[in-house]
Amino acid sequence: MVNMNFYPTCPNPELTVGVGRHSDMGALTVLLQDGIGGLFVKSEDGDDAGKWMEIPPVPAALVINVGDTLQILSNGRYRSAEHRVRTTNTQARVSIPIFTLPKPTEKIGPLPEAVEKDGVALYKEIVFQDYMNNFFGNVHDGKKSLDFARIN
């Protein structure tokens, strides 16, 4: 699936949300940024844990995000990236993400090899359409959509 997102110039970008904090529901997202910036990722590790870091655009480079599906398949070994997008007060901007998604009827769950290595499954097997319904049926709140697949 391909999206084309337009973010108009905003005099007070701190007061607007381009796209609120979320993780992508697919396996991988490939993003072609423009040269303006505005993509922020929340750090999960080290001294910067919990801090938002801007990902500066690099000419002719692609940004690759791990999504929730890959986190589920890998039993948490690969973690989806919580991110957000901000507007700017200088220029309008465009981003073009390409999402790799399973078919809606596919079942997703931790791969047996990952469960065997970890000793326990962290996620249950679910139909991807059910995950999409949950994802789009609730307000984006960081990585909270993963709770739908998590084993309690």
C-alpha atoms as a PDB file:
ATOM      1  CA  MET A   1       0.000   0.000   0.000  1.00  0.00           C
ATOM      2  CA  VAL A   2       1.319   3.461  -0.890  1.00  0.00           C
ATOM      3  CA  ASN A   3       0.290   6.697   0.836  1.00  0.00           C
ATOM      4  CA  MET A   4       1.090  10.223  -0.212  1.00  0.00           C
ATOM      5  CA  ASN A   5       0.952  12.636   2.725  1.00  0.00           C
ATOM      6  CA  PHE A   6       0.867  16.425   2.362  1.00  0.00           C
ATOM      7  CA  TYR A   7       1.643  18.638   5.342  1.00  0.00           C
ATOM      8  CA  PRO A   8       0.946  22.338   4.741  1.00  0.00           C
ATOM      9  CA  THR A   9       3.052  25.084   6.299  1.00  0.00           C
ATOM     10  CA  CYS A  10       1.887  25.900   9.814  1.00  0.00           C
ATOM     11  CA  PRO A  11       2.830  29.085  11.699  1.00  0.00           C
ATOM     12  CA  ASN A  12       2.873  27.174  15.042  1.00  0.00           C
ATOM     13  CA  PRO A  13       3.995  23.584  14.328  1.00  0.00           C
ATOM     14  CA  GLU A  14       4.199  22.811  18.068  1.00  0.00           C
ATOM     15  CA  LEU A  15       0.402  23.195  18.218  1.00  0.00           C
ATOM     16  CA  THR A  16      -0.393  20.832  15.346  1.00  0.00           C
ATOM     17  CA  VAL A  17      -0.114  17.137  14.710  1.00  0.00           C
ATOM     18  CA  GLY A  18       0.798  15.953  11.235  1.00  0.00           C
ATOM     19  CA  VAL A  19       0.412  12.296  12.208  1.00  0.00           C
ATOM     20  CA  GLY A  20       0.212  11.457  15.908  1.00  0.00           C
ATOM     21  CA  ARG A  21       2.438   8.952  17.671  1.00  0.00           C
ATOM     22  CA  HIS A  22       1.934   5.433  16.384  1.00  0.00           C
ATOM     23  CA  SER A  23       3.665   2.361  15.037  1.00  0.00           C
ATOM     24  CA  ASP A  24       2.884   0.976  11.591  1.00  0.00           C
ATOM     25  CA  MET A  25       0.743  -2.160  11.449  1.00  0.00           C
ATOM     26  CA  GLY A  26       2.549  -3.888   8.557  1.00  0.00           C
ATOM     27  CA  ALA A  27       5.869  -5.706   8.458  1.00  0.00           C
ATOM     28  CA  LEU A  28       8.114  -3.019   6.963  1.00  0.00           C
ATOM     29  CA  THR A  29       7.516   0.559   5.852  1.00  0.00           C
ATOM     30  CA  VAL A  30       9.730   2.136   3.215  1.00  0.00           C
ATOM     31  CA  LEU A  31       9.672   5.930   3.311  1.00  0.00           C
ATOM     32  CA  LEU A  32      10.887   8.396   0.751  1.00  0.00           C
ATOM     33  CA  GLN A  33      11.231  11.721   2.576  1.00  0.00           C
ATOM     34  CA  ASP A  34      11.411  15.130   1.008  1.00  0.00           C
ATOM     35  CA  GLY A  35      14.312  17.396   2.008  1.00  0.00           C
ATOM     36  CA  ILE A  36      12.366  19.258   4.694  1.00  0.00           C
ATOM     37  CA  GLY A  37      12.178  16.804   7.606  1.00  0.00           C
ATOM     38  CA  GLY A  38       9.559  16.380  10.301  1.00  0.00           C
ATOM     39  CA  LEU A  39       9.793  12.639  11.043  1.00  0.00           C
ATOM     40  CA  PHE A  40      10.452  11.858  14.715  1.00  0.00           C
ATOM     41  CA  VAL A  41      11.143   8.429  16.277  1.00  0.00           C
ATOM     42  CA  LYS A  42      10.832   7.633  19.979  1.00  0.00           C
ATOM     43  CA  SER A  43      13.960   6.043  21.405  1.00  0.00           C
ATOM     44  CA  GLU A  44      13.437   2.860  23.441  1.00  0.00           C
ATOM     45  CA  ASP A  45      16.970   2.231  24.667  1.00  0.00           C
ATOM     46  CA  GLY A  46      19.787   3.710  26.712  1.00  0.00           C
ATOM     47  CA  ASP A  47      20.043   7.217  28.093  1.00  0.00           C
ATOM     48  CA  ASP A  48      17.738   8.528  25.361  1.00  0.00           C
ATOM     49  CA  ALA A  49      14.846   6.140  26.178  1.00  0.00           C
ATOM     50  CA  GLY A  50      11.531   7.935  25.862  1.00  0.00           C
ATOM     51  CA  LYS A  51      12.984  10.886  23.963  1.00  0.00           C
ATOM     52  CA  TRP A  52      11.811  11.952  20.521  1.00  0.00           C
ATOM     53  CA  MET A  53      14.588  12.208  17.951  1.00  0.00           C
ATOM     54  CA  GLU A  54      14.171  13.858  14.568  1.00  0.00           C
ATOM     55  CA  ILE A  55      15.278  11.741  11.622  1.00  0.00           C
ATOM     56  CA  PRO A  56      17.004  14.186   9.292  1.00  0.00           C
ATOM     57  CA  PRO A  57      16.294  13.580   5.623  1.00  0.00           C
ATOM     58  CA  VAL A  58      19.241  12.228   3.647  1.00  0.00           C
ATOM     59  CA  PRO A  59      19.160  12.933  -0.093  1.00  0.00           C
ATOM     60  CA  ALA A  60      18.411   9.814  -2.201  1.00  0.00           C
ATOM     61  CA  ALA A  61      18.055   7.647   0.938  1.00  0.00           C
ATOM     62  CA  LEU A  62      15.099   5.621   2.156  1.00  0.00           C
ATOM     63  CA  VAL A  63      13.920   5.249   5.761  1.00  0.00           C
ATOM     64  CA  ILE A  64      12.926   1.679   6.705  1.00  0.00           C
ATOM     65  CA  ASN A  65      10.603   1.225   9.701  1.00  0.00           C
ATOM     66  CA  VAL A  66       9.903  -2.098  11.364  1.00  0.00           C
ATOM     67  CA  GLY A  67       6.149  -2.491  11.853  1.00  0.00           C
ATOM     68  CA  ASP A  68       3.938  -4.343  14.321  1.00  0.00           C
ATOM     69  CA  THR A  69       3.572  -7.420  12.099  1.00  0.00           C
ATOM     70  CA  LEU A  70       7.334  -8.007  12.113  1.00  0.00           C
ATOM     71  CA  GLN A  71       7.404  -7.501  15.885  1.00  0.00           C
ATOM     72  CA  ILE A  72       4.709 -10.163  16.257  1.00  0.00           C
ATOM     73  CA  LEU A  73       6.371 -12.587  13.789  1.00  0.00           C
ATOM     74  CA  SER A  74       9.756 -12.219  15.502  1.00  0.00           C
ATOM     75  CA  ASN A  75       8.185 -12.618  18.972  1.00  0.00           C
ATOM     76  CA  GLY A  76       9.470  -9.161  19.916  1.00  0.00           C
ATOM     77  CA  ARG A  77      13.044  -9.631  18.679  1.00  0.00           C
ATOM     78  CA  TYR A  78      12.477  -6.861  16.113  1.00  0.00           C
ATOM     79  CA  ARG A  79      10.516  -3.970  17.594  1.00  0.00           C
ATOM     80  CA  SER A  80       8.214  -1.680  15.682  1.00  0.00           C
ATOM     81  CA  ALA A  81       9.202   1.971  15.637  1.00  0.00           C
ATOM     82  CA  GLU A  82       6.967   4.418  17.480  1.00  0.00           C
ATOM     83  CA  HIS A  83       7.024   7.603  15.428  1.00  0.00           C
ATOM     84  CA  ARG A  84       5.170  10.814  14.633  1.00  0.00           C
ATOM     85  CA  VAL A  85       5.237  13.471  11.944  1.00  0.00           C
ATOM     86  CA  ARG A  86       5.293  17.213  12.532  1.00  0.00           C
ATOM     87  CA  THR A  87       4.519  20.126  10.286  1.00  0.00           C
ATOM     88  CA  THR A  88       7.006  22.981   9.832  1.00  0.00           C
ATOM     89  CA  ASN A  89       6.623  26.743   9.843  1.00  0.00           C
ATOM     90  CA  THR A  90       8.902  27.210   6.839  1.00  0.00           C
ATOM     91  CA  GLN A  91       7.683  24.923   4.037  1.00  0.00           C
ATOM     92  CA  ALA A  92       4.930  22.524   3.111  1.00  0.00           C
ATOM     93  CA  ARG A  93       6.194  18.964   2.922  1.00  0.00           C
ATOM     94  CA  VAL A  94       5.359  15.637   1.326  1.00  0.00           C
ATOM     95  CA  SER A  95       6.153  12.091   2.467  1.00  0.00           C
ATOM     96  CA  ILE A  96       5.508   8.897   0.539  1.00  0.00           C
ATOM     97  CA  PRO A  97       5.450   5.748   2.704  1.00  0.00           C
ATOM     98  CA  ILE A  98       5.119   2.286   1.163  1.00  0.00           C
ATOM     99  CA  PHE A  99       3.646  -0.258   3.577  1.00  0.00           C
ATOM    100  CA  THR A 100       4.267  -4.002   3.235  1.00  0.00           C
ATOM    101  CA  LEU A 101       1.221  -5.787   4.633  1.00  0.00           C
ATOM    102  CA  PRO A 102       0.022  -9.372   4.859  1.00  0.00           C
ATOM    103  CA  LYS A 103      -3.199 -10.270   3.065  1.00  0.00           C
ATOM    104  CA  PRO A 104      -6.176  -9.453   5.314  1.00  0.00           C
ATOM    105  CA  THR A 105      -7.079 -13.156   5.563  1.00  0.00           C
ATOM    106  CA  GLU A 106      -3.556 -14.254   6.612  1.00  0.00           C
ATOM    107  CA  LYS A 107      -2.920 -15.396  10.157  1.00  0.00           C
ATOM    108  CA  ILE A 108       0.022 -13.750  11.871  1.00  0.00           C
ATOM    109  CA  GLY A 109       1.715 -14.915  15.031  1.00  0.00           C
ATOM    110  CA  PRO A 110       5.188 -15.597  16.359  1.00  0.00           C
ATOM    111  CA  LEU A 111       7.226 -17.882  14.111  1.00  0.00           C
ATOM    112  CA  PRO A 112       7.791 -21.306  15.737  1.00  0.00           C
ATOM    113  CA  GLU A 113      11.588 -20.847  15.593  1.00  0.00           C
ATOM    114  CA  ALA A 114      11.325 -17.589  17.565  1.00  0.00           C
ATOM    115  CA  VAL A 115       9.082 -19.163  20.204  1.00  0.00           C
ATOM    116  CA  GLU A 116      11.400 -22.164  20.498  1.00  0.00           C
ATOM    117  CA  LYS A 117      14.414 -19.914  20.977  1.00  0.00           C
ATOM    118  CA  ASP A 118      12.635 -17.624  23.471  1.00  0.00           C
ATOM    119  CA  GLY A 119      10.846 -20.421  25.313  1.00  0.00           C
ATOM    120  CA  VAL A 120       7.505 -18.574  25.322  1.00  0.00           C
ATOM    121  CA  ALA A 121       5.188 -16.862  22.839  1.00  0.00           C
ATOM    122  CA  LEU A 122       4.637 -13.172  23.599  1.00  0.00           C
ATOM    123  CA  TYR A 123       1.883 -12.781  20.999  1.00  0.00           C
ATOM    124  CA  LYS A 124      -1.116 -14.886  19.980  1.00  0.00           C
ATOM    125  CA  GLU A 125      -1.973 -15.908  16.439  1.00  0.00           C
ATOM    126  CA  ILE A 126      -4.512 -13.506  14.923  1.00  0.00           C
ATOM    127  CA  VAL A 127      -6.076 -12.840  11.537  1.00  0.00           C
ATOM    128  CA  PHE A 128      -4.493  -9.709  10.072  1.00  0.00           C
ATOM    129  CA  GLN A 129      -7.910  -8.212   9.179  1.00  0.00           C
ATOM    130  CA  ASP A 130      -8.821  -8.356  12.882  1.00  0.00           C
ATOM    131  CA  TYR A 131      -5.580  -6.529  13.700  1.00  0.00           C
ATOM    132  CA  MET A 132      -6.348  -3.883  11.054  1.00  0.00           C
ATOM    133  CA  ASN A 133      -9.873  -3.415  12.431  1.00  0.00           C
ATOM    134  CA  ASN A 134      -8.438  -2.879  15.902  1.00  0.00           C
ATOM    135  CA  PHE A 135      -5.718  -0.550  14.567  1.00  0.00           C
ATOM    136  CA  PHE A 136      -8.122   1.692  12.649  1.00  0.00           C
ATOM    137  CA  GLY A 137     -10.951   1.372  15.179  1.00  0.00           C
ATOM    138  CA  ASN A 138      -9.024   3.026  18.010  1.00  0.00           C
ATOM    139  CA  VAL A 139      -7.203   6.295  18.504  1.00  0.00           C
ATOM    140  CA  HIS A 140      -3.483   5.958  17.806  1.00  0.00           C
ATOM    141  CA  ASP A 141      -1.705   5.919  21.151  1.00  0.00           C
ATOM    142  CA  GLY A 142       1.906   5.005  20.544  1.00  0.00           C
ATOM    143  CA  LYS A 143       2.310   1.235  20.302  1.00  0.00           C
ATOM    144  CA  LYS A 144      -0.876   0.431  22.232  1.00  0.00           C
ATOM    145  CA  SER A 145      -2.374  -1.332  19.187  1.00  0.00           C
ATOM    146  CA  LEU A 146       0.085  -4.187  19.835  1.00  0.00           C
ATOM    147  CA  ASP A 147      -1.837  -5.003  23.021  1.00  0.00           C
ATOM    148  CA  PHE A 148      -4.504  -6.590  20.775  1.00  0.00           C
ATOM    149  CA  ALA A 149      -2.052  -9.385  19.878  1.00  0.00           C
ATOM    150  CA  ARG A 150      -0.135  -9.602  23.151  1.00  0.00           C
ATOM    151  CA  ILE A 151      -0.569 -12.641  25.405  1.00  0.00           C
ATOM    152  CA  ASN A 152      -1.337 -11.395  28.907  1.00  0.00           C
END
